[in-house]
Amino acid sequence: MDDDDLLDALRAATHRLVRGVDRMPDDAWSGPSLLPGWSRAHVVAHLTLQGEEMARDVEGARTGDQVPVSSTGQHDDLDHLAGAPTADLRERLLGSTTRVAEALAGSGALADLPSDLADRRWREVEIHHADLDAGYSSADWSPAFVDRLLDAVTADPAPPTDAVLQDGSARRWVLGAGGPVVRGPAHALAWWGAGRAPGAGGGGGG
């Protein structure tokens, strides 16, 4: 996948996320997500803060004022933002996604850092969209995203477990040193490989 295709895929995933968030009724935001201890508002707040930091990283790379790549999920004000009025959080999410898109579009041919960040942002958007448990699951992921996520999972030098993943067409992905064979649809294997338990976010597979 070249840089243009990556950006197109990120735009499409972001559009789906924003539409999904817009459809969530206000009383659903405080409900539990698929991430232990996080409400749906926490997931949206995380994506918002991560997007804002990522935009700063890309802007810094473009101007030469580089800053370290930000850690995802380590935000002092996550709880504060998650507790904001729904309309305010929804608006801030939209603003963060717009800023990310503008920063990446302004980077021209993506250098290593923006390209890596765009790839990471794509994974964050797709996985956390499913984490919302609001009508979107890994079964809705594109085959291109599933393959890219499985490649990333199997490239991890320290996977959470050693295993062999195998889908219905007998494609195989080896985690770590290999081990027990875990079978299922590719999207459910990617969901499991990303550290999620089988269930709603996995589309019932795994």
Foldseek 3Di string as FASTA:
>chain_A
DFPVVLLVLLVVLLVVLLVLLVPDDQVQQQPCFLDPPDGNLLLLLQLLVLLQQLLVQLQCVQVVNHDDRDDGPDDPCSVVRSPDRSVVSSVSSVVSVVSSSVSLVVSPRDDPSNSVSSLVSSVSSQLSSLRNLRPAALVPDDPVNLVVLLVVLLVDQCFPDFAWEAEPVGDIGTHHPHDHYDYKHSSLVSNVSVVGDQDRRSVNID
